[in-house]
Amino acid sequence: MIRATCHTADDVLCLEFDATPWFSEAEAPSIIDLAQKGWTSAAIAEALERRPGYARLHDLVEYAAKRLQAESLEDPIWNTFECIVDGSEAVAWLEKNRPDVVAGIPSRSPP
């Protein structure tokens, strides 16, 4: 399991979820980009929120869109929610399940 935490910008909603399905299906460049951005991306929640078992995540994304989107119109770079993946769990899972991908993460590449 690769744990991820997602919270709305106003901290009204916060939850932990399993991001493993995203890592199983994501293209290598997306995973490498995530690692380079400090394991933080709303894209993971957006990709998983409609799956069975992710109803709470869907509720969080929907809340952010309906309640906070109007505020983000004034500042387009303001994120209505944020998701942070446990980087050490992600790397451990990648080493075991997708070694080709983990080898492409710059800080994980051999010198």
Protein backbone atom coordinates (compact mmCIF):
# COMPACT_ATOMS: atom_id res chain seq x y z
CA MET A 1 0.00 0.00 0.00
CA ILE A 2 1.15 3.49 -0.86
CA ARG A 3 -0.50 5.92 1.52
CA ALA A 4 -1.55 9.35 0.39
CA THR A 5 -3.20 12.19 2.27
CA CYS A 6 -5.54 14.65 0.63
CA HIS A 7 -6.94 17.83 2.16
CA THR A 8 -8.98 20.77 0.95
CA ALA A 9 -7.42 24.23 0.97
CA ASP A 10 -9.73 25.27 3.81
CA ASP A 11 -8.86 22.08 5.77
CA VAL A 12 -12.55 21.20 6.13
CA LEU A 13 -11.92 17.77 4.63
CA CYS A 14 -8.84 15.61 5.07
CA LEU A 15 -8.43 11.90 4.43
CA GLU A 16 -5.92 9.17 3.85
CA PHE A 17 -6.26 6.75 0.93
CA ASP A 18 -4.38 4.05 -0.95
CA ALA A 19 -2.67 5.51 -4.03
CA THR A 20 -1.30 2.14 -5.21
CA PRO A 21 -3.79 1.80 -8.10
CA TRP A 22 -2.55 5.08 -9.54
CA PHE A 23 1.08 3.91 -9.38
CA SER A 24 0.11 0.62 -11.04
CA GLU A 25 -1.44 2.38 -14.03
CA ALA A 26 0.41 5.69 -14.39
CA GLU A 27 2.91 6.24 -17.17
CA ALA A 28 6.54 6.42 -16.05
CA PRO A 29 6.92 10.15 -16.88
CA SER A 30 3.94 10.97 -14.63
CA ILE A 31 5.46 9.10 -11.69
CA ILE A 32 8.87 10.67 -12.24
CA ASP A 33 7.25 14.12 -12.41
CA LEU A 34 5.41 13.40 -9.16
CA ALA A 35 8.68 12.46 -7.46
CA GLN A 36 10.37 15.62 -8.73
CA LYS A 37 7.49 17.69 -7.33
CA GLY A 38 7.98 16.31 -3.82
CA TRP A 39 5.33 13.58 -4.14
CA THR A 40 2.51 16.17 -4.22
CA SER A 41 -0.20 16.26 -6.89
CA ALA A 42 -3.96 16.66 -7.14
CA ALA A 43 -3.89 14.48 -10.26
CA ILE A 44 -3.76 11.31 -8.17
CA ALA A 45 -7.04 12.12 -6.43
CA GLU A 46 -8.62 13.17 -9.71
CA ALA A 47 -7.61 9.85 -11.28
CA LEU A 48 -8.91 7.69 -8.42
CA GLU A 49 -11.98 9.54 -7.16
CA ARG A 50 -14.50 7.76 -9.41
CA ARG A 51 -13.29 4.24 -8.58
CA PRO A 52 -15.27 1.92 -6.33
CA GLY A 53 -14.06 2.26 -2.76
CA TYR A 54 -12.97 5.88 -3.20
CA ALA A 55 -16.30 7.59 -2.39
CA ARG A 56 -14.78 9.74 0.37
CA LEU A 57 -12.09 10.92 -2.04
CA HIS A 58 -14.79 11.74 -4.59
CA ASP A 59 -16.64 13.75 -1.92
CA LEU A 60 -13.47 15.73 -1.17
CA VAL A 61 -12.82 16.53 -4.84
CA GLU A 62 -16.46 17.47 -5.36
CA TYR A 63 -16.46 19.70 -2.26
CA ALA A 64 -13.32 21.44 -3.49
CA ALA A 65 -14.88 22.01 -6.91
CA LYS A 66 -18.23 23.25 -5.67
CA ARG A 67 -17.27 25.18 -2.54
CA LEU A 68 -13.77 26.45 -3.24
CA GLN A 69 -13.58 26.84 -7.01
CA ALA A 70 -15.12 30.33 -6.96
CA GLU A 71 -12.29 31.54 -4.73
CA SER A 72 -9.71 30.04 -7.08
CA LEU A 73 -11.03 32.11 -10.00
CA GLU A 74 -9.38 35.18 -8.46
CA ASP A 75 -6.07 33.34 -8.20
CA PRO A 76 -5.72 30.64 -10.88
CA ILE A 77 -2.64 29.08 -9.26
CA TRP A 78 -4.48 28.56 -5.95
CA ASN A 79 -5.19 24.86 -5.49
CA THR A 80 -8.54 23.93 -3.98
CA PHE A 81 -7.07 20.70 -2.62
CA GLU A 82 -3.72 18.99 -2.29
CA CYS A 83 -2.60 15.38 -2.13
CA ILE A 84 0.68 14.21 -0.69
CA VAL A 85 2.00 10.70 -1.28
CA ASP A 86 4.25 8.93 1.22
CA GLY A 87 7.43 9.07 -0.87
CA SER A 88 9.27 6.29 0.98
CA GLU A 89 6.33 3.91 0.52
CA ALA A 90 6.09 4.91 -3.14
CA VAL A 91 9.79 4.25 -3.76
CA ALA A 92 9.66 0.91 -1.93
CA TRP A 93 6.64 -0.18 -3.98
CA LEU A 94 8.22 1.01 -7.22
CA GLU A 95 11.48 -0.81 -6.48
CA LYS A 96 9.53 -4.04 -6.06
CA ASN A 97 6.89 -3.63 -8.76
CA ARG A 98 8.22 -1.15 -11.33
CA PRO A 99 12.02 -1.04 -11.08
CA ASP A 100 12.29 0.52 -14.53
CA VAL A 101 10.31 3.53 -13.29
CA VAL A 102 12.18 3.99 -10.03
CA ALA A 103 15.46 3.92 -11.96
CA GLY A 104 14.27 7.03 -13.82
CA ILE A 105 13.77 9.12 -10.69
CA PRO A 106 16.80 11.42 -10.66
CA SER A 107 17.51 11.26 -6.93
CA ARG A 108 17.24 7.46 -7.06
CA SER A 109 19.53 6.95 -10.06
CA PRO A 110 23.03 5.60 -9.47
CA PRO A 111 25.78 8.26 -9.58
